C-alpha atoms as a PDB file:
ATOM      1  CA  MET A   1      21.848   4.105  -2.992  1.00  0.00           C
ATOM      2  CA  SER A   2      18.645   2.704  -2.608  1.00  0.00           C
ATOM      3  CA  ASN A   3      17.882  -1.589  -1.555  1.00  0.00           C
ATOM      4  CA  PHE A   4      14.692  -1.068  -3.853  1.00  0.00           C
ATOM      5  CA  GLN A   5      13.466  -3.771  -5.949  1.00  0.00           C
ATOM      6  CA  ASN A   6      11.816  -2.079  -9.283  1.00  0.00           C
ATOM      7  CA  TYR A   7       8.718  -3.875  -9.930  1.00  0.00           C
ATOM      8  CA  LYS A   8       8.103  -4.590 -13.653  1.00  0.00           C
ATOM      9  CA  PRO A   9       4.539  -5.527 -14.978  1.00  0.00           C
ATOM     10  CA  LYS A  10       3.966  -9.005 -15.793  1.00  0.00           C
ATOM     11  CA  ASN A  11       1.835  -8.366 -19.033  1.00  0.00           C
ATOM     12  CA  ASP A  12      -0.346  -5.793 -20.946  1.00  0.00           C
ATOM     13  CA  LYS A  13      -2.979  -6.449 -18.475  1.00  0.00           C
ATOM     14  CA  GLU A  14      -0.723  -5.036 -15.342  1.00  0.00           C
ATOM     15  CA  LYS A  15       1.064  -2.018 -17.538  1.00  0.00           C
ATOM     16  CA  ALA A  16      -2.701  -0.884 -18.364  1.00  0.00           C
ATOM     17  CA  LEU A  17      -3.624  -1.037 -14.746  1.00  0.00           C
ATOM     18  CA  SER A  18      -0.587   1.009 -13.675  1.00  0.00           C
ATOM     19  CA  SER A  19      -1.399   3.207 -16.589  1.00  0.00           C
ATOM     20  CA  ALA A  20      -5.082   3.896 -15.627  1.00  0.00           C
ATOM     21  CA  PHE A  21      -3.779   5.555 -12.271  1.00  0.00           C
ATOM     22  CA  LEU A  22      -2.276   8.232 -14.066  1.00  0.00           C
ATOM     23  CA  LYS A  23      -5.349   9.246 -15.886  1.00  0.00           C
ATOM     24  CA  LEU A  24      -6.542  10.272 -12.621  1.00  0.00           C
ATOM     25  CA  LYS A  25      -6.574  13.371 -11.550  1.00  0.00           C
ATOM     26  CA  THR A  26      -8.221  14.132  -8.460  1.00  0.00           C
ATOM     27  CA  GLU A  27      -7.862  12.312  -5.205  1.00  0.00           C
ATOM     28  CA  GLN A  28     -12.261  11.519  -5.819  1.00  0.00           C
ATOM     29  CA  ASP A  29     -11.305  10.193  -9.269  1.00  0.00           C
ATOM     30  CA  VAL A  30      -9.034   7.670  -7.835  1.00  0.00           C
ATOM     31  CA  ALA A  31     -11.897   7.432  -4.685  1.00  0.00           C
ATOM     32  CA  ASN A  32     -13.977   6.345  -7.349  1.00  0.00           C
ATOM     33  CA  PHE A  33     -11.866   4.318  -9.427  1.00  0.00           C
ATOM     34  CA  LEU A  34     -10.566   2.187  -6.340  1.00  0.00           C
ATOM     35  CA  ARG A  35     -14.689   1.628  -5.602  1.00  0.00           C
ATOM     36  CA  ASP A  36     -15.601   0.816  -9.281  1.00  0.00           C
ATOM     37  CA  LEU A  37     -12.398  -1.803  -9.121  1.00  0.00           C
ATOM     38  CA  LEU A  38     -12.670  -3.381  -5.112  1.00  0.00           C
ATOM     39  CA  THR A  39     -14.412  -4.408  -2.708  1.00  0.00           C
ATOM     40  CA  ILE A  40     -15.534  -2.055   0.247  1.00  0.00           C
ATOM     41  CA  LYS A  41     -13.541  -4.969   2.412  1.00  0.00           C
ATOM     42  CA  GLU A  42     -10.591  -4.934  -0.015  1.00  0.00           C
ATOM     43  CA  ILE A  43     -10.209  -0.776   0.438  1.00  0.00           C
ATOM     44  CA  GLU A  44     -10.270  -1.205   3.997  1.00  0.00           C
ATOM     45  CA  GLU A  45      -7.500  -3.717   4.105  1.00  0.00           C
ATOM     46  CA  PHE A  46      -5.916  -1.661   1.878  1.00  0.00           C
ATOM     47  CA  ALA A  47      -6.200   1.362   3.707  1.00  0.00           C
ATOM     48  CA  ASN A  48      -4.970  -0.794   6.762  1.00  0.00           C
ATOM     49  CA  ARG A  49      -1.821  -1.630   5.136  1.00  0.00           C
ATOM     50  CA  LEU A  50      -1.078   1.931   4.242  1.00  0.00           C
ATOM     51  CA  GLU A  51      -1.816   2.726   8.068  1.00  0.00           C
ATOM     52  CA  MET A  52       0.557   0.028   8.932  1.00  0.00           C
ATOM     53  CA  ALA A  53       3.252   1.438   6.876  1.00  0.00           C
ATOM     54  CA  ARG A  54       2.385   4.786   8.253  1.00  0.00           C
ATOM     55  CA  LEU A  55       2.626   3.779  12.157  1.00  0.00           C
ATOM     56  CA  LEU A  56       5.897   1.706  11.102  1.00  0.00           C
ATOM     57  CA  LYS A  57       7.407   5.031   9.617  1.00  0.00           C
ATOM     58  CA  LYS A  58       6.709   6.521  12.767  1.00  0.00           C
ATOM     59  CA  GLY A  59       8.318   3.724  14.995  1.00  0.00           C
ATOM     60  CA  MET A  60       5.292   2.305  16.521  1.00  0.00           C
ATOM     61  CA  SER A  61       5.959  -1.625  17.469  1.00  0.00           C
ATOM     62  CA  TYR A  62       4.443  -3.857  15.536  1.00  0.00           C
ATOM     63  CA  LYS A  63       2.462  -5.285  18.916  1.00  0.00           C
ATOM     64  CA  ALA A  64       1.036  -1.985  19.021  1.00  0.00           C
ATOM     65  CA  ILE A  65      -0.161  -1.334  15.671  1.00  0.00           C
ATOM     66  CA  ALA A  66      -1.267  -4.837  15.268  1.00  0.00           C
ATOM     67  CA  LYS A  67      -3.490  -4.207  18.794  1.00  0.00           C
ATOM     68  CA  LYS A  68      -4.593  -0.847  17.221  1.00  0.00           C
ATOM     69  CA  LEU A  69      -5.914  -2.179  13.851  1.00  0.00           C
ATOM     70  CA  GLY A  70      -7.119  -5.418  14.739  1.00  0.00           C
ATOM     71  CA  VAL A  71      -4.809  -7.355  12.739  1.00  0.00           C
ATOM     72  CA  SER A  72      -1.893  -9.898  13.673  1.00  0.00           C
ATOM     73  CA  THR A  73       1.346  -9.081  13.920  1.00  0.00           C
ATOM     74  CA  THR A  74       2.265 -11.449  10.579  1.00  0.00           C
ATOM     75  CA  THR A  75       0.461  -8.985   9.246  1.00  0.00           C
ATOM     76  CA  VAL A  76       2.126  -5.982  10.387  1.00  0.00           C
ATOM     77  CA  THR A  77       5.577  -7.892   9.448  1.00  0.00           C
ATOM     78  CA  ARG A  78       4.473  -8.478   5.850  1.00  0.00           C
ATOM     79  CA  THR A  79       3.359  -4.851   5.516  1.00  0.00           C
ATOM     80  CA  ALA A  80       7.501  -3.962   7.401  1.00  0.00           C
ATOM     81  CA  HIS A  81       9.041  -6.233   4.435  1.00  0.00           C
ATOM     82  CA  TRP A  82       7.281  -4.363   1.423  1.00  0.00           C
ATOM     83  CA  LEU A  83       7.820  -0.705   3.638  1.00  0.00           C
ATOM     84  CA  PHE A  84      11.510  -1.950   4.264  1.00  0.00           C
ATOM     85  CA  ARG A  85      12.341  -4.220   1.513  1.00  0.00           C
ATOM     86  CA  GLY A  86       9.771  -3.426  -1.516  1.00  0.00           C
ATOM     87  CA  CYS A  87      10.195  -1.511  -4.487  1.00  0.00           C
ATOM     88  CA  GLY A  88       9.771   1.954  -2.508  1.00  0.00           C
ATOM     89  CA  GLY A  89       5.984   2.337  -3.161  1.00  0.00           C
ATOM     90  CA  TYR A  90       4.954   2.940   0.015  1.00  0.00           C
ATOM     91  CA  GLU A  91       8.047   5.499   1.028  1.00  0.00           C
ATOM     92  CA  LYS A  92       6.783   7.583  -2.119  1.00  0.00           C
ATOM     93  CA  VAL A  93       3.235   8.236  -0.554  1.00  0.00           C
ATOM     94  CA  LEU A  94       4.212   8.601   2.191  1.00  0.00           C
ATOM     95  CA  LYS A  95       6.441  11.695   1.933  1.00  0.00           C
END
């Protein structure tokens, strides 16, 4: 039994955003959509969060991750919360 939550989009706009990702077929399609949707800094931040989750799954310490990625341990802790008690999204993409 999973302890993950299930996030429910709050409105039609959030549903449309989720559906938009389903229309993308290739890594390049996703990269292009992310670049149109987000700033370079936002893309870097989201990539950093995914890397934090990957390193957490490997068992690296919060302090070591923070030092390696140049973030605070608070940021690593927040990412760990969503990795271990979130909706399962990190788990799905890290498999």
